[in-house]
Amino acid sequence: MHCQNFRPSSLTRREMLNQSACGFGAVALSALLAENSSAEKADYNPTDPLAPKKPHYAPKAKNVIFLYMDGGPSHVDTFDYKPLLKKFNGQDPRQAIGRLEPTQFDNIGKVMQSPWAFKQHGESGAWVSDLFPNIAKVADDLTFIKSMTSKFPEHTAANYFLHTGSGLQGRPSMGAWVGYGLGTENQNLPGFVVLNGGLIPPGGLDNFNSGYLPAAYQGSVFNPGNTPVANIKPAESSPAIQRRKLDLMRQLDLSSKERFAGEDQIESAILNYETAFRMQSAVPDLLDLSGESDTVKKMYGLDSDFNQTKTFGRQCLLARRLVERGVRFIELTCPGGNGDRWDQHNNLLDGHNKNCKTVDQPIAALISDLKNLGILEETLVIWTGEFGRTPFAQGGNGRDHNPFGFTTWLAGGGVKPGVSYGATDEWGYKAIENKVEIHDLHATMLHLLGIDHTKNTFRFSSRDMRLTDVHGHIIKDILA
């Protein structure tokens, strides 16, 4: 009798190459791995990619909260005080400033002073405009980088660059790289969570993707409202029934995994099913704010009469709760309803007033709350847009994109508080002192997490790929 141990159909070329991993494929693989042993991670576990991993050295920060101000806030109206704009207000910038770079819409108006007054705050004397009265109160806890630059003046490419270190679509997000380097401390929640306020940035979900890294590292998007994750409540009548379904799915997936020689999509699907099962109890517990005092809820603005403040306040409070539960990387996106995000090509006054009213109170509360709880020192908070705005108007009352110099600030997580690093020129147009690139921000962030950005690599397309590519320098002057 025939043993029946044969395949009913011939192998495709892809299947043959996949399943030759223990033959000549292993020889090729060993040669590739020998090219750069630094790409190897001794504690990487392909069967459980989210397992905690050892950092390269002792970290200052354990978690990151990334406050993404989608659209590009105007630095010259928020944190980068430029009195010269008032002196030359209404004049032709070509005559006042000199040669101008091309802008996104090439609709260059007059030099425009800030509609908001600036004051110095705290012992550090940080300049903060009237747009941020609450953040001004925690100015001594902030580390300002006033010489940030980007390579891209357009939203989609600039978003990809900020999030992935490349202006092209399809690269892993910084949150995915953090998960790849460190794993997660909580197996019941994703290691990378995006708290979506209502606006997904231009470029879409690829800003939070895992790219060529295993799919387990991609961001999980939590939507606003009481049901942030679809199907989080079981449809089955009992946990036992659901468990049997998952066991059957796992059995089927494992058989497919063996057939297709460990396809990443299959392995990640198995892991995602298990994570989703555990999230059914972890997410409702996360969202249950009944244990938070009325004082804390009010501090975050959950009682505000401005709906966007309530939405972002809830996001900031959830971000703190995610940090307490060991989630490595949390990104917050902005709520809708304030015009075109922070992208005020016209009506700057109305758009920035609404956006600042949305985020000012919740962000100040987050910094204060983390500090009071003693976890700010191990939580790195980053506030930034993808670029800044021009010191001259677009048309009559807006500002165009400006990637040549803008402001980013950090707090906690091993950075010096009350410091201002770098500077733009007297117009706020271009960075002229201690110019910082996005790659430098990424390198510094990873460094504070205990990750050497040059060693946190993944072999892809015959290269040891990394978040900072072949760039990136740690901004040592801002480190505590």
Protein backbone atom coordinates (compact mmCIF):
# COMPACT_ATOMS: atom_id res chain seq x y z
CA MET A 1 0.00 0.00 0.00
CA HIS A 2 1.23 3.49 -0.82
CA CYS A 3 2.29 5.54 2.19
CA GLN A 4 0.32 8.54 0.83
CA ASN A 5 3.14 10.80 2.04
CA PHE A 6 3.19 13.11 -0.95
CA ARG A 7 1.78 16.48 -2.04
CA PRO A 8 -1.19 16.37 -4.40
CA SER A 9 0.14 19.42 -6.32
CA SER A 10 3.55 20.68 -7.29
CA LEU A 11 5.28 23.32 -5.20
CA THR A 12 5.40 26.91 -6.32
CA ARG A 13 8.82 28.53 -6.49
CA ARG A 14 8.05 30.54 -3.35
CA GLU A 15 6.96 27.43 -1.43
CA MET A 16 10.06 25.55 -2.54
CA LEU A 17 12.37 28.33 -1.37
CA ASN A 18 10.52 28.68 1.94
CA GLN A 19 10.63 25.00 2.66
CA SER A 20 14.27 24.64 1.70
CA ALA A 21 15.28 26.51 4.82
CA CYS A 22 16.99 23.40 6.21
CA GLY A 23 18.80 22.66 2.95
CA PHE A 24 20.75 25.03 0.74
CA GLY A 25 18.60 27.88 2.17
CA ALA A 26 20.28 27.35 5.52
CA VAL A 27 23.70 27.71 3.94
CA ALA A 28 22.74 31.03 2.35
CA LEU A 29 21.11 32.20 5.56
CA SER A 30 24.16 31.43 7.66
CA ALA A 31 26.34 33.40 5.25
CA LEU A 32 24.02 36.39 5.43
CA LEU A 33 23.88 36.32 9.20
CA ALA A 34 27.65 36.13 9.40
CA GLU A 35 27.98 39.40 7.50
CA ASN A 36 26.99 41.44 10.51
CA SER A 37 26.68 39.72 13.86
CA SER A 38 25.50 42.96 15.45
CA ALA A 39 22.14 42.40 13.75
CA GLU A 40 21.56 39.33 15.90
CA LYS A 41 19.54 39.63 19.09
CA ALA A 42 20.41 36.79 21.42
CA ASP A 43 17.16 37.10 23.34
CA TYR A 44 14.86 37.40 20.31
CA ASN A 45 12.18 34.71 20.43
CA PRO A 46 10.40 34.25 17.08
CA THR A 47 7.65 32.21 18.73
CA ASP A 48 6.89 35.07 21.12
CA PRO A 49 8.19 38.34 19.61
CA LEU A 50 6.52 40.45 22.30
CA ALA A 51 8.39 38.77 25.16
CA PRO A 52 10.44 41.28 27.20
CA LYS A 53 13.99 41.73 25.90
CA LYS A 54 17.10 43.05 27.56
CA PRO A 55 18.10 46.60 26.55
CA HIS A 56 21.62 47.27 25.30
CA TYR A 57 22.35 49.28 28.44
CA ALA A 58 20.57 50.61 31.51
CA PRO A 59 17.58 52.69 30.35
CA LYS A 60 16.45 56.03 31.72
CA ALA A 61 12.92 55.57 30.36
CA LYS A 62 10.66 52.53 30.22
CA ASN A 63 7.82 53.98 28.15
CA VAL A 64 7.13 56.67 25.58
CA ILE A 65 4.05 58.89 25.25
CA PHE A 66 4.15 60.56 21.84
CA LEU A 67 1.85 63.58 21.63
CA TYR A 68 1.46 64.04 17.89
CA MET A 69 0.22 67.49 16.85
CA ASP A 70 -0.99 66.57 13.38
CA GLY A 71 -0.71 69.29 10.74
CA GLY A 72 2.23 71.33 12.02
CA PRO A 73 1.73 73.80 14.89
CA SER A 74 3.21 77.23 14.42
CA HIS A 75 6.34 77.44 16.57
CA VAL A 76 6.49 81.23 16.23
CA ASP A 77 3.02 81.41 17.81
CA THR A 78 3.60 78.92 20.62
CA PHE A 79 7.14 78.45 22.02
CA ASP A 80 9.62 80.30 19.78
CA TYR A 81 9.30 84.01 20.58
CA LYS A 82 10.45 86.29 17.74
CA PRO A 83 9.90 90.00 18.55
CA LEU A 84 11.27 90.98 15.11
CA LEU A 85 8.02 89.78 13.55
CA LYS A 86 6.17 92.58 15.32
CA LYS A 87 8.67 95.20 14.14
CA PHE A 88 8.36 94.15 10.49
CA ASN A 89 4.69 93.14 10.60
CA GLY A 90 2.97 93.76 7.26
CA GLN A 91 6.17 94.16 5.24
CA ASP A 92 7.26 92.15 2.22
CA PRO A 93 9.28 89.18 3.54
CA ARG A 94 11.45 89.19 0.42
CA GLN A 95 12.65 92.63 1.39
CA ALA A 96 12.74 92.09 5.17
CA ILE A 97 14.02 88.50 5.37
CA GLY A 98 15.68 88.11 1.98
CA ARG A 99 15.66 85.00 -0.20
CA LEU A 100 12.70 82.70 0.57
CA GLU A 101 12.46 78.98 -0.02
CA PRO A 102 9.59 77.65 -2.14
CA THR A 103 6.48 77.01 -0.05
CA GLN A 104 3.82 74.35 -0.37
CA PHE A 105 1.26 76.65 -2.01
CA ASP A 106 3.54 79.49 -3.14
CA ASN A 107 1.09 82.08 -1.83
CA ILE A 108 3.48 84.31 0.08
CA GLY A 109 1.90 87.14 2.04
CA LYS A 110 3.42 89.69 4.40
CA VAL A 111 5.54 89.23 7.51
CA MET A 112 3.00 88.36 10.21
CA GLN A 113 3.48 88.98 13.90
CA SER A 114 2.02 86.51 16.36
CA PRO A 115 -1.56 87.34 17.39
CA TRP A 116 -0.70 86.04 20.87
CA ALA A 117 1.47 87.58 23.58
CA PHE A 118 4.54 85.75 24.86
CA LYS A 119 5.75 85.66 28.46
CA GLN A 120 8.59 83.94 30.28
CA HIS A 121 7.59 81.28 32.79
CA GLY A 122 9.12 79.37 35.68
CA GLU A 123 12.67 79.46 36.96
CA SER A 124 13.90 78.48 33.51
CA GLY A 125 12.35 81.59 31.95
CA ALA A 126 10.86 79.55 29.10
CA TRP A 127 8.98 81.59 26.52
CA VAL A 128 5.40 80.37 26.11
CA SER A 129 2.57 82.19 24.37
CA ASP A 130 -0.88 82.84 25.77
CA LEU A 131 -2.09 79.87 23.73
CA PHE A 132 -0.77 77.51 26.43
CA PRO A 133 -1.59 78.95 29.88
CA ASN A 134 -1.60 75.50 31.51
CA ILE A 135 1.50 74.09 29.82
CA ALA A 136 3.24 77.33 30.85
CA LYS A 137 2.78 76.23 34.49
CA VAL A 138 4.87 73.09 33.88
CA ALA A 139 7.47 74.83 31.69
CA ASP A 140 10.26 73.96 34.14
CA ASP A 141 9.57 70.27 33.50
CA LEU A 142 10.01 70.62 29.74
CA THR A 143 13.07 70.32 27.50
CA PHE A 144 12.68 72.45 24.37
CA ILE A 145 14.40 71.69 21.08
CA LYS A 146 14.02 74.87 19.04
CA SER A 147 16.11 73.78 16.07
CA MET A 148 14.22 70.74 14.82
CA THR A 149 14.13 70.25 11.05
CA SER A 150 12.48 67.94 8.55
CA LYS A 151 13.41 66.93 5.01
CA PHE A 152 9.87 67.14 3.70
CA PRO A 153 7.47 70.11 3.37
CA GLU A 154 4.38 68.02 2.54
CA HIS A 155 2.21 66.25 5.11
CA THR A 156 2.25 62.63 3.94
CA ALA A 157 5.99 62.34 3.34
CA ALA A 158 6.74 64.40 6.47
CA ASN A 159 4.48 62.12 8.54
CA TYR A 160 6.20 59.02 7.25
CA PHE A 161 9.57 60.63 7.97
CA LEU A 162 8.59 61.57 11.53
CA HIS A 163 7.03 58.20 12.28
CA THR A 164 9.33 55.81 10.39
CA GLY A 165 12.55 57.68 9.61
CA SER A 166 11.81 57.55 5.89
CA GLY A 167 9.67 59.72 3.65
CA LEU A 168 8.55 56.62 1.76
CA GLN A 169 5.58 54.43 2.58
CA GLY A 170 6.00 50.98 4.08
CA ARG A 171 8.77 51.35 6.68
CA PRO A 172 8.28 50.27 10.32
CA SER A 173 7.00 52.93 12.70
CA MET A 174 9.12 54.08 15.64
CA GLY A 175 6.62 52.38 17.97
CA ALA A 176 7.20 49.10 16.13
CA TRP A 177 10.97 49.52 16.46
CA VAL A 178 10.60 50.07 20.21
CA GLY A 179 8.55 46.89 20.51
CA TYR A 180 11.08 44.99 18.42
CA GLY A 181 13.91 46.19 20.62
CA LEU A 182 12.31 45.75 24.04
CA GLY A 183 9.17 43.63 23.75
CA THR A 184 6.32 44.43 26.13
CA GLU A 185 5.90 44.21 29.89
CA ASN A 186 2.19 43.36 29.63
CA GLN A 187 1.13 40.34 27.60
CA ASN A 188 -2.54 41.31 27.96
CA LEU A 189 -2.20 44.51 25.93
CA PRO A 190 -0.39 45.43 22.70
CA GLY A 191 3.08 46.86 23.08
CA PHE A 192 2.27 49.78 20.77
CA VAL A 193 -1.07 51.56 21.19
CA VAL A 194 -2.39 54.51 19.19
CA LEU A 195 -5.06 56.50 21.05
CA ASN A 196 -6.90 57.99 18.11
CA GLY A 197 -8.67 61.24 18.95
CA GLY A 198 -10.57 61.12 15.67
CA LEU A 199 -7.97 62.15 13.07
CA ILE A 200 -5.67 59.64 11.40
CA PRO A 201 -2.71 61.63 9.97
CA PRO A 202 -2.14 61.97 6.21
CA GLY A 203 -0.41 58.79 5.13
CA GLY A 204 -2.97 56.73 7.02
CA LEU A 205 -2.32 53.69 9.16
CA ASP A 206 1.09 53.16 7.57
CA ASN A 207 2.31 55.76 10.08
CA PHE A 208 1.79 53.06 12.72
CA ASN A 209 2.72 50.02 10.64
CA SER A 210 5.31 47.33 11.30
CA GLY A 211 6.64 47.42 7.72
CA TYR A 212 9.10 44.58 7.20
CA LEU A 213 9.24 43.82 10.94
CA PRO A 214 7.00 40.98 12.18
CA ALA A 215 3.36 42.10 12.14
CA ALA A 216 3.08 41.61 15.91
CA TYR A 217 4.86 44.96 16.36
CA GLN A 218 2.36 47.14 14.48
CA GLY A 219 0.34 49.73 16.35
CA SER A 220 -3.12 48.87 17.68
CA VAL A 221 -5.50 51.77 17.14
CA PHE A 222 -7.93 52.54 19.97
CA ASN A 223 -10.75 54.78 18.73
CA PRO A 224 -12.42 57.47 20.88
CA GLY A 225 -15.55 56.58 22.81
CA ASN A 226 -16.61 53.83 25.15
CA THR A 227 -15.84 51.03 22.67
CA PRO A 228 -12.37 51.81 21.34
CA VAL A 229 -11.71 48.30 20.07
CA ALA A 230 -14.19 46.51 17.83
CA ASN A 231 -15.60 43.20 19.05
CA ILE A 232 -13.97 43.56 22.46
CA LYS A 233 -17.07 42.05 24.07
CA PRO A 234 -17.37 38.30 23.41
CA ALA A 235 -20.35 37.20 21.31
CA GLU A 236 -20.25 33.69 22.76
CA SER A 237 -22.50 32.73 25.66
CA SER A 238 -19.61 31.44 27.79
CA PRO A 239 -15.81 31.77 27.94
CA ALA A 240 -15.48 28.00 27.48
CA ILE A 241 -17.20 28.14 24.06
CA GLN A 242 -14.97 30.96 22.93
CA ARG A 243 -11.87 29.15 24.20
CA ARG A 244 -12.81 26.06 22.15
CA LYS A 245 -13.21 28.23 19.04
CA LEU A 246 -9.80 29.81 19.58
CA ASP A 247 -8.21 26.41 20.16
CA LEU A 248 -9.67 25.17 16.86
CA MET A 249 -8.45 28.27 15.02
CA ARG A 250 -5.02 27.84 16.56
CA GLN A 251 -4.91 24.21 15.46
CA LEU A 252 -5.84 25.15 11.90
CA ASP A 253 -3.34 28.01 11.86
CA LEU A 254 -0.54 25.77 13.13
CA SER A 255 -1.19 23.29 10.36
CA SER A 256 -1.01 26.12 7.83
CA LYS A 257 2.12 27.42 9.52
CA GLU A 258 3.83 24.07 9.01
CA ARG A 259 2.72 23.93 5.40
CA PHE A 260 3.96 27.42 4.56
CA ALA A 261 7.18 27.24 6.57
CA GLY A 262 6.54 29.91 9.16
CA GLU A 263 4.98 32.75 7.18
CA ASP A 264 5.05 35.86 9.37
CA GLN A 265 1.40 36.67 8.67
CA ILE A 266 0.29 33.30 10.03
CA GLU A 267 2.49 33.45 13.10
CA SER A 268 1.31 36.99 13.83
CA ALA A 269 -2.34 36.00 13.36
CA ILE A 270 -1.93 33.26 15.98
CA LEU A 271 -0.37 35.72 18.42
CA ASN A 272 -3.01 38.36 17.67
CA TYR A 273 -5.85 35.95 18.43
CA GLU A 274 -4.32 35.16 21.80
CA THR A 275 -3.67 38.84 22.59
CA ALA A 276 -7.22 39.73 21.57
CA PHE A 277 -8.56 37.03 23.90
CA ARG A 278 -6.63 38.48 26.84
CA MET A 279 -7.60 42.05 25.87
CA GLN A 280 -11.25 41.21 26.54
CA SER A 281 -10.58 41.64 30.23
CA ALA A 282 -7.64 44.04 30.10
CA VAL A 283 -9.29 46.72 27.91
CA PRO A 284 -12.51 47.12 29.95
CA ASP A 285 -10.33 47.43 33.07
CA LEU A 286 -8.22 50.08 31.31
CA LEU A 287 -11.29 52.07 30.28
CA ASP A 288 -12.98 51.91 33.67
CA LEU A 289 -12.24 55.33 35.14
CA SER A 290 -14.46 54.86 38.19
CA GLY A 291 -11.36 54.42 40.33
CA GLU A 292 -10.02 57.82 39.32
CA SER A 293 -10.91 60.65 41.69
CA ASP A 294 -13.11 63.53 40.61
CA THR A 295 -10.12 65.79 41.20
CA VAL A 296 -8.02 63.87 38.67
CA LYS A 297 -10.83 63.78 36.10
CA LYS A 298 -11.35 67.51 36.46
CA MET A 299 -7.61 68.14 36.20
CA TYR A 300 -7.58 66.40 32.80
CA GLY A 301 -10.61 68.39 31.64
CA LEU A 302 -13.16 65.58 31.53
CA ASP A 303 -15.77 68.06 32.80
CA SER A 304 -14.93 70.68 30.15
CA ASP A 305 -17.73 72.28 28.13
CA PHE A 306 -15.46 71.97 25.07
CA ASN A 307 -15.93 68.46 23.66
CA GLN A 308 -12.49 68.26 22.11
CA THR A 309 -10.88 68.97 25.48
CA LYS A 310 -12.88 66.12 27.01
CA THR A 311 -11.81 63.79 24.20
CA PHE A 312 -8.12 64.62 24.45
CA GLY A 313 -8.27 64.70 28.24
CA ARG A 314 -9.58 61.14 28.24
CA GLN A 315 -6.78 60.14 25.85
CA CYS A 316 -4.14 61.64 28.13
CA LEU A 317 -5.60 59.91 31.19
CA LEU A 318 -5.69 56.60 29.31
CA ALA A 319 -2.09 57.16 28.24
CA ARG A 320 -1.08 57.41 31.89
CA ARG A 321 -3.03 54.25 32.68
CA LEU A 322 -1.36 52.41 29.77
CA VAL A 323 2.05 53.43 31.09
CA GLU A 324 1.09 52.08 34.51
CA ARG A 325 0.19 48.79 32.80
CA GLY A 326 3.55 48.49 31.06
CA VAL A 327 2.68 49.42 27.47
CA ARG A 328 5.92 50.53 25.84
CA PHE A 329 4.81 53.10 23.26
CA ILE A 330 1.62 55.17 23.26
CA GLU A 331 0.84 57.71 20.55
CA LEU A 332 -1.98 60.24 20.80
CA THR A 333 -3.57 61.80 17.72
CA CYS A 334 -5.69 64.95 17.75
CA PRO A 335 -9.49 65.17 17.86
CA GLY A 336 -11.40 66.56 14.90
CA GLY A 337 -13.62 69.61 14.85
CA ASN A 338 -10.89 72.28 15.04
CA GLY A 339 -10.58 73.04 11.35
CA ASP A 340 -7.98 71.23 9.28
CA ARG A 341 -5.97 69.82 12.21
CA TRP A 342 -3.09 72.23 13.11
CA ASP A 343 -2.75 72.99 9.42
CA GLN A 344 -3.88 76.60 9.38
CA HIS A 345 -3.17 77.82 5.86
CA ASN A 346 -5.83 80.41 6.64
CA ASN A 347 -7.66 81.58 9.75
CA LEU A 348 -4.69 80.90 12.02
CA LEU A 349 -6.32 82.69 14.94
CA ASP A 350 -9.41 80.49 15.06
CA GLY A 351 -7.69 77.19 14.28
CA HIS A 352 -4.83 77.51 16.74
CA ASN A 353 -7.12 78.83 19.49
CA LYS A 354 -9.31 75.73 19.17
CA ASN A 355 -6.40 73.29 18.90
CA CYS A 356 -4.66 74.74 21.95
CA LYS A 357 -7.88 74.75 23.94
CA THR A 358 -8.16 71.06 23.04
CA VAL A 359 -4.72 69.94 24.24
CA ASP A 360 -3.40 72.55 26.72
CA GLN A 361 -5.18 71.46 29.90
CA PRO A 362 -4.92 67.69 29.31
CA ILE A 363 -1.19 67.79 28.47
CA ALA A 364 -0.35 69.91 31.52
CA ALA A 365 -2.40 67.50 33.64
CA LEU A 366 -0.55 64.52 32.19
CA ILE A 367 2.86 66.00 33.01
CA SER A 368 1.76 66.93 36.55
CA ASP A 369 0.05 63.59 37.16
CA LEU A 370 3.04 61.54 35.99
CA LYS A 371 5.30 63.69 38.18
CA ASN A 372 3.06 63.38 41.26
CA LEU A 373 2.93 59.60 40.82
CA GLY A 374 6.72 59.41 40.55
CA ILE A 375 6.69 57.91 37.03
CA LEU A 376 7.57 60.94 34.91
CA GLU A 377 11.27 60.21 35.44
CA GLU A 378 10.83 56.85 33.68
CA THR A 379 8.31 57.99 31.07
CA LEU A 380 9.52 59.96 28.05
CA VAL A 381 6.89 62.42 26.80
CA ILE A 382 7.42 63.90 23.32
CA TRP A 383 5.37 66.77 21.81
CA THR A 384 5.82 67.65 18.14
CA GLY A 385 4.28 68.17 14.74
CA GLU A 386 5.75 67.02 11.44
CA PHE A 387 7.06 70.56 10.74
CA GLY A 388 6.46 74.18 11.74
CA ARG A 389 4.96 77.22 10.00
CA THR A 390 6.39 80.19 8.11
CA PRO A 391 7.04 83.54 9.82
CA PHE A 392 5.20 85.23 6.95
CA ALA A 393 1.57 84.80 6.05
CA GLN A 394 0.05 82.54 3.48
CA GLY A 395 -2.46 84.86 1.89
CA GLY A 396 -3.77 87.19 4.57
CA ASN A 397 -4.25 85.26 7.82
CA GLY A 398 -2.62 81.83 7.63
CA ARG A 399 0.86 80.32 7.64
CA ASP A 400 2.38 77.80 5.22
CA HIS A 401 4.52 74.74 6.02
CA ASN A 402 8.07 75.29 7.29
CA PRO A 403 10.40 72.28 7.59
CA PHE A 404 13.54 74.41 8.02
CA GLY A 405 13.17 75.05 11.74
CA PHE A 406 10.52 74.36 14.38
CA THR A 407 10.03 73.41 18.01
CA THR A 408 9.72 70.02 19.68
CA TRP A 409 9.67 69.46 23.42
CA LEU A 410 10.30 66.49 25.67
CA ALA A 411 9.70 65.78 29.34
CA GLY A 412 10.76 63.14 31.86
CA GLY A 413 12.49 59.94 30.81
CA GLY A 414 16.07 61.07 31.36
CA VAL A 415 16.12 64.53 29.75
CA LYS A 416 17.18 67.75 31.46
CA PRO A 417 14.15 69.76 32.60
CA GLY A 418 14.00 73.50 32.07
CA VAL A 419 16.43 73.48 29.14
CA SER A 420 16.15 75.16 25.73
CA TYR A 421 18.40 73.64 23.07
CA GLY A 422 19.16 75.08 19.64
CA ALA A 423 17.69 78.12 17.97
CA THR A 424 16.14 79.38 14.77
CA ASP A 425 17.16 82.67 13.19
CA GLU A 426 15.68 85.98 14.36
CA TRP A 427 12.64 85.38 12.16
CA GLY A 428 11.95 81.83 13.29
CA TYR A 429 12.49 80.72 9.70
CA LYS A 430 15.51 78.41 9.72
CA ALA A 431 17.48 76.52 12.36
CA ILE A 432 20.89 78.14 12.79
CA GLU A 433 22.17 76.81 16.12
CA ASN A 434 22.54 73.11 17.01
CA LYS A 435 20.43 71.94 14.10
CA VAL A 436 18.52 68.75 14.93
CA GLU A 437 17.13 66.22 12.47
CA ILE A 438 14.31 63.72 12.96
CA HIS A 439 16.93 60.94 12.92
CA ASP A 440 18.57 62.60 15.93
CA LEU A 441 15.26 62.66 17.80
CA HIS A 442 14.79 58.95 17.08
CA ALA A 443 18.35 58.10 18.14
CA THR A 444 17.93 60.02 21.39
CA MET A 445 14.56 58.43 22.13
CA LEU A 446 15.96 54.92 21.64
CA HIS A 447 19.04 55.79 23.71
CA LEU A 448 16.87 56.87 26.64
CA LEU A 449 15.05 53.53 26.38
CA GLY A 450 18.37 51.69 26.62
CA ILE A 451 18.54 50.87 22.91
CA ASP A 452 21.60 51.53 20.76
CA HIS A 453 20.02 52.81 17.54
CA THR A 454 22.94 51.44 15.48
CA LYS A 455 22.43 47.91 16.83
CA ASN A 456 18.63 47.69 16.85
CA THR A 457 18.62 46.27 13.32
CA PHE A 458 16.57 43.88 11.21
CA ARG A 459 17.85 42.04 8.16
CA PHE A 460 15.78 42.98 5.12
CA SER A 461 16.61 43.20 1.43
CA SER A 462 20.23 42.24 2.14
CA ARG A 463 20.69 45.16 4.54
CA ASP A 464 20.67 45.56 8.30
CA MET A 465 17.80 48.05 8.44
CA ARG A 466 17.20 50.39 11.37
CA LEU A 467 14.94 53.28 12.35
CA THR A 468 17.71 55.85 11.82
CA ASP A 469 18.97 54.27 8.57
CA VAL A 470 22.62 55.42 8.31
CA HIS A 471 21.97 58.67 10.20
CA GLY A 472 21.19 59.86 13.71
CA HIS A 473 23.18 61.36 16.57
CA ILE A 474 22.21 61.33 20.23
CA ILE A 475 21.46 64.87 21.46
CA LYS A 476 23.75 64.56 24.45
CA ASP A 477 23.32 68.15 25.67
CA ILE A 478 19.69 67.50 26.65
CA LEU A 479 20.37 64.31 28.61
CA ALA A 480 20.08 64.46 32.39
